[in-house]
Amino acid sequence: MSLDQKFQDAADRVKQLQKRPSNEDLLQLYALFKQGSEGDVKGSRPGMLDLKGRAKYDAWASKKGTGSDAAKEAYVALVDRLTG
């Protein structure tokens, strides 16, 4: 199975989780998925009143410079840990 197939499989499996991951794990899932699928963060950081948007932006920005394949591998590993 190719890395892209594993990545897509992990994205499908994460939707089937029995219990909600911690906020930290959710942010990591978001950041790694976005970095793996879109690359470095784009746009400006949300304002002070958009706490959720700001947290998601910051999590994604923390992955800046991480290669697509590395982000996909980390995403798959995190999903494996959460589903295992």
Protein backbone atom coordinates (compact mmCIF):
# COMPACT_ATOMS: atom_id res chain seq x y z
CA MET A 1 0.00 0.00 0.00
CA SER A 2 1.39 3.39 -0.97
CA LEU A 3 1.82 6.21 1.51
CA ASP A 4 -1.04 8.13 -0.11
CA GLN A 5 -3.32 5.10 0.28
CA LYS A 6 -2.28 4.68 3.94
CA PHE A 7 -2.92 8.40 4.49
CA GLN A 8 -6.41 8.20 2.96
CA ASP A 9 -7.16 5.02 4.91
CA ALA A 10 -6.10 6.75 8.14
CA ALA A 11 -8.32 9.75 7.28
CA ASP A 12 -11.25 7.36 6.84
CA ARG A 13 -10.46 5.43 10.06
CA VAL A 14 -10.22 8.59 12.18
CA LYS A 15 -13.89 9.29 11.40
CA GLN A 16 -14.81 5.93 12.95
CA LEU A 17 -13.16 6.51 16.35
CA GLN A 18 -15.28 5.25 19.23
CA LYS A 19 -14.26 8.01 21.63
CA ARG A 20 -13.29 11.60 21.03
CA PRO A 21 -9.53 12.21 21.10
CA SER A 22 -8.08 14.83 23.44
CA ASN A 23 -7.96 18.41 22.21
CA GLU A 24 -4.19 18.09 21.78
CA ASP A 25 -4.58 14.96 19.64
CA LEU A 26 -7.33 16.65 17.61
CA LEU A 27 -5.06 19.61 16.91
CA GLN A 28 -2.21 17.29 15.93
CA LEU A 29 -4.52 15.34 13.62
CA TYR A 30 -5.68 18.58 12.00
CA ALA A 31 -2.17 20.00 11.64
CA LEU A 32 -0.64 16.82 10.22
CA PHE A 33 -3.54 16.28 7.82
CA LYS A 34 -3.36 19.85 6.51
CA GLN A 35 0.44 19.77 6.25
CA GLY A 36 0.33 16.41 4.46
CA SER A 37 -2.39 17.41 2.04
CA GLU A 38 -1.80 21.15 1.47
CA GLY A 39 1.74 21.97 2.66
CA ASP A 40 2.70 24.96 4.79
CA VAL A 41 -0.01 27.10 6.38
CA LYS A 42 -1.42 29.90 4.26
CA GLY A 43 -3.31 33.06 5.08
CA SER A 44 -3.25 35.21 8.17
CA ARG A 45 -3.70 34.13 11.76
CA PRO A 46 -7.31 34.42 13.01
CA GLY A 47 -8.14 37.19 15.46
CA MET A 48 -8.12 36.98 19.25
CA LEU A 49 -11.83 36.19 19.49
CA ASP A 50 -11.62 33.14 17.20
CA LEU A 51 -10.02 30.82 19.75
CA LYS A 52 -10.70 27.59 17.85
CA GLY A 53 -9.50 28.99 14.52
CA ARG A 54 -6.41 30.44 16.17
CA ALA A 55 -5.55 27.12 17.86
CA LYS A 56 -5.94 25.25 14.57
CA TYR A 57 -3.86 27.83 12.70
CA ASP A 58 -1.11 27.69 15.35
CA ALA A 59 -1.06 23.88 15.30
CA TRP A 60 -0.72 23.84 11.51
CA ALA A 61 1.90 26.62 11.58
CA SER A 62 3.95 24.53 14.04
CA LYS A 63 4.42 21.97 11.25
CA LYS A 64 5.83 24.54 8.82
CA GLY A 65 8.70 23.10 6.81
CA THR A 66 7.66 19.49 7.44
CA GLY A 67 7.62 17.60 4.18
CA SER A 68 4.38 16.16 2.86
CA ASP A 69 5.54 12.55 3.21
CA ALA A 70 6.81 13.09 6.77
CA ALA A 71 3.52 14.71 7.77
CA LYS A 72 1.53 11.87 6.19
CA GLU A 73 3.64 9.25 8.00
CA ALA A 74 3.18 11.06 11.33
CA TYR A 75 -0.57 11.34 10.70
CA VAL A 76 -0.88 7.61 9.96
CA ALA A 77 1.16 6.78 13.09
CA LEU A 78 -1.05 9.02 15.26
CA VAL A 79 -4.25 7.46 13.85
CA ASP A 80 -2.78 3.99 14.43
CA ARG A 81 -2.09 4.93 18.07
CA LEU A 82 -5.60 6.32 18.55
CA THR A 83 -7.34 3.35 16.93
CA GLY A 84 -5.08 0.66 18.36
